[in-house]
Amino acid sequence: MLRDFAAQLNAHGFRAVGMVQAGQCADSSLSAVLVHNEEKILLAQDFDPSASGCRLDLARLQNAGARVAEALGAGADLLIVNRFGKRERDGKGLAYLIERALGADIPVVIAVSSQYFGDWIKFADGMSVKLHCDRAALEAWWDRVSAANSCAGTQVPATVCEIAK
């Protein structure tokens, strides 16, 4: 859903950057797709048949994050990150991308499980709008955010979250 949403925004002249997961965490198919250019990047560790659990290679994740940071630095209307989890809660993983976007008042779309929602609210310092996990809710939110941003010359809200509320 996030990948298709980004593609739609990019096709309509907006600049959505970020990445979404492709493949499964527990096998060698784990990868990410960069939403700003559709490039697929392997995130899995080199295959070890004796390994169990998530096979995320943290160096590959950081490399993918650097690619997103570069795209974000070139200008963005929206950052999409696959999810907020334990690493981001602890200030690792892709937390620096989220912080960078929030600091620049660039909206961030990120999946957050109920397990980490309290951590997300703390991390985002309350700058959050909770959406239903469906395309209609996402599009309605974006319509409000993008319409308010296009009228910024008349009245400038303090944050993207204030626009969406």
N, C-alpha and C. Protein backbone atom coordinates (compact mmCIF):
# COMPACT_ATOMS: atom_id res chain seq x y z
N MET A 1 0.82 -1.19 0.00
CA MET A 1 0.00 0.00 0.00
C MET A 1 0.87 1.26 0.00
N LEU A 2 1.90 1.31 0.84
CA LEU A 2 2.75 2.49 0.91
C LEU A 2 3.52 2.71 -0.39
N ARG A 3 3.98 1.63 -0.97
CA ARG A 3 4.72 1.73 -2.24
C ARG A 3 3.82 2.28 -3.35
N ASP A 4 2.60 1.78 -3.45
CA ASP A 4 1.67 2.27 -4.45
C ASP A 4 1.29 3.73 -4.19
N PHE A 5 1.11 4.08 -2.93
CA PHE A 5 0.78 5.46 -2.57
C PHE A 5 1.91 6.40 -3.00
N ALA A 6 3.14 6.02 -2.73
CA ALA A 6 4.29 6.83 -3.13
C ALA A 6 4.36 6.98 -4.65
N ALA A 7 4.13 5.89 -5.35
CA ALA A 7 4.17 5.94 -6.82
C ALA A 7 3.11 6.89 -7.35
N GLN A 8 1.93 6.87 -6.74
CA GLN A 8 0.86 7.78 -7.17
C GLN A 8 1.26 9.24 -6.92
N LEU A 9 1.80 9.52 -5.75
CA LEU A 9 2.23 10.89 -5.45
C LEU A 9 3.30 11.35 -6.42
N ASN A 10 4.29 10.51 -6.63
CA ASN A 10 5.39 10.86 -7.54
C ASN A 10 4.88 11.09 -8.96
N ALA A 11 3.89 10.32 -9.39
CA ALA A 11 3.31 10.48 -10.73
C ALA A 11 2.52 11.78 -10.86
N HIS A 12 2.08 12.32 -9.72
CA HIS A 12 1.30 13.56 -9.72
C HIS A 12 2.15 14.78 -9.35
N GLY A 13 3.46 14.65 -9.44
CA GLY A 13 4.33 15.81 -9.26
C GLY A 13 4.82 16.08 -7.86
N PHE A 14 4.45 15.25 -6.92
CA PHE A 14 4.99 15.38 -5.57
C PHE A 14 6.27 14.56 -5.50
N ARG A 15 7.05 14.77 -4.44
CA ARG A 15 8.28 14.01 -4.28
C ARG A 15 8.21 13.22 -2.98
N ALA A 16 7.80 11.97 -3.10
CA ALA A 16 7.79 11.05 -1.97
C ALA A 16 9.09 10.27 -2.01
N VAL A 17 9.80 10.26 -0.90
CA VAL A 17 11.05 9.51 -0.79
C VAL A 17 10.93 8.55 0.39
N GLY A 18 11.79 7.55 0.39
CA GLY A 18 11.79 6.61 1.50
C GLY A 18 11.94 5.19 1.02
N MET A 19 11.58 4.25 1.90
CA MET A 19 11.68 2.85 1.52
C MET A 19 10.66 2.01 2.25
N VAL A 20 10.28 0.94 1.58
CA VAL A 20 9.36 -0.04 2.15
C VAL A 20 9.97 -1.43 2.01
N GLN A 21 9.62 -2.29 2.93
CA GLN A 21 10.16 -3.64 2.93
C GLN A 21 9.56 -4.48 1.83
N ALA A 22 10.39 -5.33 1.27
CA ALA A 22 9.95 -6.36 0.34
C ALA A 22 10.58 -7.66 0.83
N GLY A 23 9.92 -8.76 0.63
CA GLY A 23 10.46 -10.04 1.10
C GLY A 23 10.20 -10.25 2.57
N GLN A 24 10.65 -11.37 3.06
CA GLN A 24 10.40 -11.79 4.43
C GLN A 24 11.64 -11.60 5.31
N CYS A 25 11.41 -11.21 6.55
CA CYS A 25 12.51 -10.95 7.48
C CYS A 25 13.29 -12.23 7.81
N ALA A 26 12.64 -13.37 7.80
CA ALA A 26 13.28 -14.59 8.26
C ALA A 26 13.97 -15.39 7.14
N ASP A 27 14.08 -14.81 5.96
CA ASP A 27 14.80 -15.55 4.91
C ASP A 27 15.64 -14.59 4.05
N SER A 28 16.26 -15.15 3.04
CA SER A 28 17.19 -14.36 2.23
C SER A 28 16.51 -13.42 1.26
N SER A 29 15.17 -13.35 1.25
CA SER A 29 14.46 -12.45 0.35
C SER A 29 14.29 -11.05 0.93
N LEU A 30 14.68 -10.85 2.19
CA LEU A 30 14.49 -9.55 2.83
C LEU A 30 15.20 -8.46 2.04
N SER A 31 14.43 -7.47 1.61
CA SER A 31 14.97 -6.35 0.85
C SER A 31 14.09 -5.14 1.08
N ALA A 32 14.47 -4.03 0.48
CA ALA A 32 13.68 -2.81 0.54
C ALA A 32 13.58 -2.24 -0.86
N VAL A 33 12.49 -1.53 -1.09
CA VAL A 33 12.32 -0.82 -2.35
C VAL A 33 12.33 0.67 -2.02
N LEU A 34 13.21 1.40 -2.69
CA LEU A 34 13.25 2.85 -2.52
C LEU A 34 12.07 3.43 -3.29
N VAL A 35 11.18 4.13 -2.61
CA VAL A 35 9.95 4.59 -3.25
C VAL A 35 10.18 5.74 -4.23
N HIS A 36 11.30 6.42 -4.12
CA HIS A 36 11.55 7.56 -5.01
C HIS A 36 12.14 7.14 -6.35
N ASN A 37 12.66 5.91 -6.45
CA ASN A 37 13.19 5.47 -7.75
C ASN A 37 12.92 4.00 -8.06
N GLU A 38 12.18 3.31 -7.18
CA GLU A 38 11.81 1.90 -7.35
C GLU A 38 12.99 0.93 -7.34
N GLU A 39 14.15 1.38 -6.89
CA GLU A 39 15.31 0.49 -6.80
C GLU A 39 15.12 -0.49 -5.64
N LYS A 40 15.46 -1.75 -5.88
CA LYS A 40 15.37 -2.77 -4.84
C LYS A 40 16.76 -3.00 -4.26
N ILE A 41 16.85 -3.00 -2.93
CA ILE A 41 18.12 -3.16 -2.24
C ILE A 41 18.02 -4.34 -1.28
N LEU A 42 18.95 -5.27 -1.39
CA LEU A 42 18.99 -6.43 -0.51
C LEU A 42 19.32 -5.98 0.91
N LEU A 43 18.54 -6.46 1.88
CA LEU A 43 18.79 -6.16 3.29
C LEU A 43 19.16 -7.40 4.09
N ALA A 44 19.00 -8.56 3.51
CA ALA A 44 19.27 -9.81 4.22
C ALA A 44 20.76 -10.05 4.37
N GLN A 45 21.10 -10.70 5.46
CA GLN A 45 22.46 -11.17 5.64
C GLN A 45 22.75 -12.22 4.60
N ASP A 46 24.01 -12.42 4.32
CA ASP A 46 24.37 -13.52 3.43
C ASP A 46 23.81 -14.79 4.04
N PHE A 47 23.29 -15.66 3.19
CA PHE A 47 22.56 -16.83 3.65
C PHE A 47 23.41 -17.75 4.52
N ASP A 48 22.87 -18.06 5.68
CA ASP A 48 23.48 -19.02 6.61
C ASP A 48 22.37 -19.98 7.02
N PRO A 49 22.38 -21.21 6.54
CA PRO A 49 21.29 -22.13 6.82
C PRO A 49 21.09 -22.42 8.30
N SER A 50 22.08 -22.19 9.13
CA SER A 50 21.93 -22.45 10.56
C SER A 50 21.33 -21.26 11.32
N ALA A 51 21.24 -20.10 10.66
CA ALA A 51 20.70 -18.90 11.32
C ALA A 51 19.19 -19.02 11.44
N SER A 52 18.66 -18.43 12.50
CA SER A 52 17.20 -18.38 12.68
C SER A 52 16.80 -16.97 13.06
N GLY A 53 15.52 -16.66 12.92
CA GLY A 53 15.03 -15.33 13.23
C GLY A 53 15.26 -14.38 12.08
N CYS A 54 15.17 -13.10 12.38
CA CYS A 54 15.31 -12.08 11.35
C CYS A 54 16.74 -12.04 10.83
N ARG A 55 16.87 -11.97 9.53
CA ARG A 55 18.21 -11.98 8.91
C ARG A 55 18.60 -10.60 8.40
N LEU A 56 18.15 -9.55 9.07
CA LEU A 56 18.47 -8.19 8.67
C LEU A 56 19.96 -7.92 8.85
N ASP A 57 20.59 -7.43 7.80
CA ASP A 57 21.99 -7.02 7.85
C ASP A 57 21.99 -5.52 8.15
N LEU A 58 22.44 -5.14 9.33
CA LEU A 58 22.37 -3.74 9.76
C LEU A 58 23.21 -2.82 8.88
N ALA A 59 24.32 -3.30 8.36
CA ALA A 59 25.14 -2.47 7.47
C ALA A 59 24.38 -2.18 6.17
N ARG A 60 23.67 -3.17 5.67
CA ARG A 60 22.89 -2.97 4.45
C ARG A 60 21.71 -2.02 4.72
N LEU A 61 21.11 -2.12 5.90
CA LEU A 61 20.04 -1.20 6.27
C LEU A 61 20.57 0.24 6.31
N GLN A 62 21.74 0.42 6.91
CA GLN A 62 22.32 1.76 6.99
C GLN A 62 22.67 2.29 5.60
N ASN A 63 23.14 1.42 4.72
CA ASN A 63 23.43 1.82 3.35
C ASN A 63 22.15 2.29 2.65
N ALA A 64 21.08 1.53 2.81
CA ALA A 64 19.80 1.91 2.22
C ALA A 64 19.32 3.23 2.83
N GLY A 65 19.50 3.38 4.13
CA GLY A 65 19.13 4.63 4.80
C GLY A 65 19.91 5.82 4.26
N ALA A 66 21.19 5.61 3.97
CA ALA A 66 22.01 6.68 3.39
C ALA A 66 21.48 7.09 2.02
N ARG A 67 20.99 6.13 1.26
CA ARG A 67 20.41 6.44 -0.05
C ARG A 67 19.14 7.27 0.10
N VAL A 68 18.35 6.95 1.11
CA VAL A 68 17.13 7.71 1.38
C VAL A 68 17.51 9.11 1.87
N ALA A 69 18.52 9.20 2.73
CA ALA A 69 18.97 10.51 3.23
C ALA A 69 19.41 11.41 2.09
N GLU A 70 20.09 10.84 1.13
CA GLU A 70 20.53 11.60 -0.05
C GLU A 70 19.32 12.13 -0.82
N ALA A 71 18.33 11.28 -1.02
CA ALA A 71 17.11 11.70 -1.72
C ALA A 71 16.34 12.74 -0.91
N LEU A 72 16.30 12.57 0.39
CA LEU A 72 15.64 13.54 1.27
C LEU A 72 16.33 14.89 1.19
N GLY A 73 17.66 14.86 1.13
CA GLY A 73 18.44 16.09 1.03
C GLY A 73 18.22 16.83 -0.28
N ALA A 74 17.80 16.11 -1.31
CA ALA A 74 17.53 16.73 -2.61
C ALA A 74 16.14 17.35 -2.66
N GLY A 75 15.38 17.21 -1.59
CA GLY A 75 14.05 17.79 -1.52
C GLY A 75 12.98 16.71 -1.48
N ALA A 76 12.02 16.89 -0.60
CA ALA A 76 10.96 15.90 -0.46
C ALA A 76 9.69 16.57 0.05
N ASP A 77 8.58 16.03 -0.39
CA ASP A 77 7.27 16.45 0.14
C ASP A 77 6.79 15.49 1.21
N LEU A 78 7.35 14.28 1.21
CA LEU A 78 6.91 13.24 2.12
C LEU A 78 8.01 12.21 2.29
N LEU A 79 8.18 11.73 3.52
CA LEU A 79 9.08 10.60 3.80
C LEU A 79 8.22 9.40 4.16
N ILE A 80 8.50 8.28 3.52
CA ILE A 80 7.81 7.03 3.85
C ILE A 80 8.85 6.05 4.39
N VAL A 81 8.58 5.53 5.58
CA VAL A 81 9.45 4.54 6.20
C VAL A 81 8.58 3.34 6.54
N ASN A 82 9.07 2.18 6.23
CA ASN A 82 8.30 0.95 6.36
C ASN A 82 7.70 0.77 7.75
N ARG A 83 8.49 0.99 8.78
CA ARG A 83 7.95 0.82 10.13
C ARG A 83 8.85 1.43 11.18
N PHE A 84 8.23 1.69 12.32
CA PHE A 84 8.92 2.15 13.52
C PHE A 84 8.96 0.96 14.45
N GLY A 85 10.16 0.53 14.78
CA GLY A 85 10.30 -0.64 15.63
C GLY A 85 11.31 -0.44 16.74
N LYS A 86 11.81 -1.54 17.26
CA LYS A 86 12.74 -1.53 18.39
C LYS A 86 13.98 -0.69 18.10
N ARG A 87 14.56 -0.85 16.93
CA ARG A 87 15.79 -0.10 16.62
C ARG A 87 15.53 1.40 16.61
N GLU A 88 14.43 1.80 15.99
CA GLU A 88 14.11 3.23 15.93
C GLU A 88 13.76 3.76 17.32
N ARG A 89 13.04 2.97 18.10
CA ARG A 89 12.73 3.35 19.47
C ARG A 89 14.00 3.67 20.26
N ASP A 90 15.05 2.87 19.98
CA ASP A 90 16.32 3.04 20.67
C ASP A 90 17.23 4.06 20.00
N GLY A 91 16.71 4.78 19.02
CA GLY A 91 17.49 5.81 18.35
C GLY A 91 18.42 5.28 17.27
N LYS A 92 18.19 4.05 16.85
CA LYS A 92 19.04 3.42 15.83
C LYS A 92 18.22 3.18 14.58
N GLY A 93 18.67 2.27 13.74
CA GLY A 93 17.92 1.96 12.52
C GLY A 93 17.76 3.18 11.65
N LEU A 94 16.53 3.52 11.33
CA LEU A 94 16.25 4.67 10.47
C LEU A 94 15.74 5.87 11.25
N ALA A 95 15.98 5.88 12.56
CA ALA A 95 15.50 6.98 13.40
C ALA A 95 16.02 8.33 12.92
N TYR A 96 17.26 8.38 12.46
CA TYR A 96 17.83 9.67 12.03
C TYR A 96 17.09 10.23 10.83
N LEU A 97 16.56 9.39 9.96
CA LEU A 97 15.79 9.88 8.82
C LEU A 97 14.48 10.50 9.28
N ILE A 98 13.83 9.83 10.21
CA ILE A 98 12.56 10.33 10.75
C ILE A 98 12.79 11.66 11.45
N GLU A 99 13.84 11.73 12.28
CA GLU A 99 14.16 12.98 12.98
C GLU A 99 14.45 14.10 12.00
N ARG A 100 15.19 13.79 10.97
CA ARG A 100 15.54 14.80 9.96
C ARG A 100 14.28 15.35 9.29
N ALA A 101 13.38 14.46 8.89
CA ALA A 101 12.14 14.90 8.24
C ALA A 101 11.26 15.70 9.21
N LEU A 102 11.07 15.19 10.41
CA LEU A 102 10.25 15.91 11.38
C LEU A 102 10.83 17.28 11.69
N GLY A 103 12.16 17.35 11.78
CA GLY A 103 12.82 18.63 12.04
C GLY A 103 12.64 19.63 10.91
N ALA A 104 12.47 19.14 9.69
CA ALA A 104 12.26 20.00 8.53
C ALA A 104 10.78 20.17 8.21
N ASP A 105 9.91 19.69 9.08
CA ASP A 105 8.46 19.74 8.91
C ASP A 105 8.01 19.05 7.63
N ILE A 106 8.71 17.97 7.28
CA ILE A 106 8.31 17.12 6.15
C ILE A 106 7.45 16.01 6.74
N PRO A 107 6.24 15.83 6.24
CA PRO A 107 5.38 14.76 6.77
C PRO A 107 6.06 13.40 6.62
N VAL A 108 5.81 12.54 7.60
CA VAL A 108 6.34 11.18 7.61
C VAL A 108 5.18 10.22 7.70
N VAL A 109 5.16 9.25 6.81
CA VAL A 109 4.20 8.15 6.90
C VAL A 109 5.00 6.93 7.31
N ILE A 110 4.56 6.33 8.41
CA ILE A 110 5.29 5.19 8.95
C ILE A 110 4.30 4.25 9.63
N ALA A 111 4.49 2.97 9.41
CA ALA A 111 3.66 1.99 10.10
C ALA A 111 4.21 1.80 11.51
N VAL A 112 3.32 1.79 12.47
CA VAL A 112 3.71 1.61 13.87
C VAL A 112 2.77 0.58 14.48
N SER A 113 3.33 -0.51 14.97
CA SER A 113 2.48 -1.53 15.61
C SER A 113 1.99 -1.02 16.96
N SER A 114 0.92 -1.61 17.43
CA SER A 114 0.39 -1.20 18.73
C SER A 114 1.43 -1.41 19.83
N GLN A 115 2.29 -2.39 19.66
CA GLN A 115 3.34 -2.67 20.64
C GLN A 115 4.28 -1.47 20.82
N TYR A 116 4.54 -0.72 19.75
CA TYR A 116 5.48 0.39 19.80
C TYR A 116 4.82 1.76 19.70
N PHE A 117 3.47 1.80 19.73
CA PHE A 117 2.81 3.09 19.52
C PHE A 117 3.16 4.11 20.61
N GLY A 118 3.20 3.69 21.86
CA GLY A 118 3.59 4.60 22.94
C GLY A 118 5.00 5.12 22.75
N ASP A 119 5.90 4.26 22.31
CA ASP A 119 7.28 4.68 22.03
C ASP A 119 7.31 5.66 20.86
N TRP A 120 6.45 5.43 19.85
CA TRP A 120 6.39 6.34 18.71
C TRP A 120 5.93 7.73 19.15
N ILE A 121 4.90 7.80 19.96
CA ILE A 121 4.38 9.10 20.43
C ILE A 121 5.48 9.85 21.18
N LYS A 122 6.23 9.14 22.02
CA LYS A 122 7.33 9.76 22.74
C LYS A 122 8.42 10.22 21.77
N PHE A 123 8.79 9.36 20.82
CA PHE A 123 9.82 9.68 19.83
C PHE A 123 9.43 10.90 19.01
N ALA A 124 8.18 10.95 18.58
CA ALA A 124 7.70 12.04 17.71
C ALA A 124 7.30 13.26 18.52
N ASP A 125 7.47 13.22 19.83
CA ASP A 125 7.16 14.32 20.71
C ASP A 125 5.72 14.81 20.50
N GLY A 126 4.82 13.85 20.31
CA GLY A 126 3.41 14.17 20.14
C GLY A 126 3.01 14.61 18.75
N MET A 127 3.98 14.81 17.86
CA MET A 127 3.67 15.24 16.49
C MET A 127 3.23 14.03 15.67
N SER A 128 1.99 13.62 15.88
CA SER A 128 1.54 12.40 15.24
C SER A 128 0.06 12.47 14.94
N VAL A 129 -0.32 11.91 13.82
CA VAL A 129 -1.72 11.73 13.44
C VAL A 129 -1.89 10.25 13.17
N LYS A 130 -2.77 9.61 13.91
CA LYS A 130 -3.00 8.17 13.75
C LYS A 130 -4.05 7.96 12.67
N LEU A 131 -3.70 7.14 11.68
CA LEU A 131 -4.60 6.84 10.58
C LEU A 131 -4.99 5.37 10.59
N HIS A 132 -6.16 5.07 10.05
CA HIS A 132 -6.51 3.67 9.81
C HIS A 132 -5.57 3.14 8.75
N CYS A 133 -5.29 1.87 8.81
CA CYS A 133 -4.37 1.25 7.86
C CYS A 133 -5.11 0.89 6.58
N ASP A 134 -5.53 1.92 5.84
CA ASP A 134 -6.15 1.69 4.54
C ASP A 134 -5.87 2.88 3.63
N ARG A 135 -5.97 2.63 2.36
CA ARG A 135 -5.61 3.62 1.34
C ARG A 135 -6.48 4.87 1.42
N ALA A 136 -7.77 4.72 1.69
CA ALA A 136 -8.67 5.87 1.74
C ALA A 136 -8.26 6.84 2.85
N ALA A 137 -7.90 6.31 4.02
CA ALA A 137 -7.48 7.18 5.13
C ALA A 137 -6.18 7.88 4.78
N LEU A 138 -5.27 7.18 4.16
CA LEU A 138 -3.99 7.76 3.76
C LEU A 138 -4.18 8.88 2.74
N GLU A 139 -5.02 8.64 1.75
CA GLU A 139 -5.27 9.64 0.72
C GLU A 139 -5.99 10.86 1.29
N ALA A 140 -6.95 10.65 2.18
CA ALA A 140 -7.66 11.78 2.81
C ALA A 140 -6.69 12.63 3.63
N TRP A 141 -5.81 11.97 4.37
CA TRP A 141 -4.80 12.70 5.15
C TRP A 141 -3.91 13.50 4.21
N TRP A 142 -3.41 12.89 3.14
CA TRP A 142 -2.53 13.59 2.22
C TRP A 142 -3.25 14.77 1.55
N ASP A 143 -4.51 14.60 1.20
CA ASP A 143 -5.27 15.70 0.59
C ASP A 143 -5.31 16.91 1.53
N ARG A 144 -5.51 16.67 2.83
CA ARG A 144 -5.52 17.78 3.81
C ARG A 144 -4.14 18.42 3.93
N VAL A 145 -3.12 17.59 4.04
CA VAL A 145 -1.76 18.11 4.21
C VAL A 145 -1.31 18.87 2.98
N SER A 146 -1.49 18.31 1.80
CA SER A 146 -1.00 18.97 0.59
C SER A 146 -1.81 20.21 0.26
N ALA A 147 -3.12 20.21 0.53
CA ALA A 147 -3.94 21.40 0.28
C ALA A 147 -3.52 22.53 1.21
N ALA A 148 -3.29 22.21 2.46
CA ALA A 148 -2.87 23.24 3.42
C ALA A 148 -1.50 23.79 3.06
N ASN A 149 -0.59 22.92 2.61
CA ASN A 149 0.74 23.37 2.21
C ASN A 149 0.69 24.26 0.99
N SER A 150 -0.24 24.02 0.07
CA SER A 150 -0.33 24.84 -1.13
C SER A 150 -0.92 26.21 -0.83
N CYS A 151 -1.61 26.35 0.31
CA CYS A 151 -2.18 27.63 0.72
C CYS A 151 -1.33 28.29 1.80
N ALA A 152 -0.10 27.89 1.92
CA ALA A 152 0.75 28.36 3.02
C ALA A 152 0.97 29.86 2.99
N GLY A 153 0.79 30.49 1.87
CA GLY A 153 0.98 31.94 1.79
C GLY A 153 -0.04 32.73 2.58
N THR A 154 -1.22 32.16 2.82
CA THR A 154 -2.25 32.89 3.52
C THR A 154 -2.16 32.74 5.03
N GLN A 155 -1.90 31.56 5.49
CA GLN A 155 -1.79 31.31 6.93
C GLN A 155 -0.87 30.12 7.12
N VAL A 156 0.23 30.30 7.81
CA VAL A 156 1.21 29.24 7.97
C VAL A 156 1.00 28.54 9.30
N PRO A 157 0.53 27.28 9.28
CA PRO A 157 0.42 26.53 10.53
C PRO A 157 1.81 26.20 11.07
N ALA A 158 1.88 25.93 12.36
CA ALA A 158 3.17 25.67 12.98
C ALA A 158 3.77 24.33 12.53
N THR A 159 2.96 23.32 12.34
CA THR A 159 3.49 22.00 11.99
C THR A 159 2.54 21.27 11.05
N VAL A 160 3.06 20.26 10.40
CA VAL A 160 2.24 19.40 9.54
C VAL A 160 1.14 18.75 10.38
N CYS A 161 1.45 18.36 11.60
CA CYS A 161 0.44 17.72 12.45
C CYS A 161 -0.74 18.64 12.71
N GLU A 162 -0.49 19.93 12.89
CA GLU A 162 -1.58 20.87 13.08
C GLU A 162 -2.45 20.95 11.85
N ILE A 163 -1.86 20.82 10.67
CA ILE A 163 -2.63 20.82 9.43
C ILE A 163 -3.58 19.64 9.41
N ALA A 164 -3.06 18.46 9.75
CA ALA A 164 -3.82 17.22 9.64
C ALA A 164 -4.89 17.09 10.71
N LYS A 165 -4.72 17.76 11.83
CA LYS A 165 -5.70 17.66 12.90
C LYS A 165 -6.85 18.52 12.57
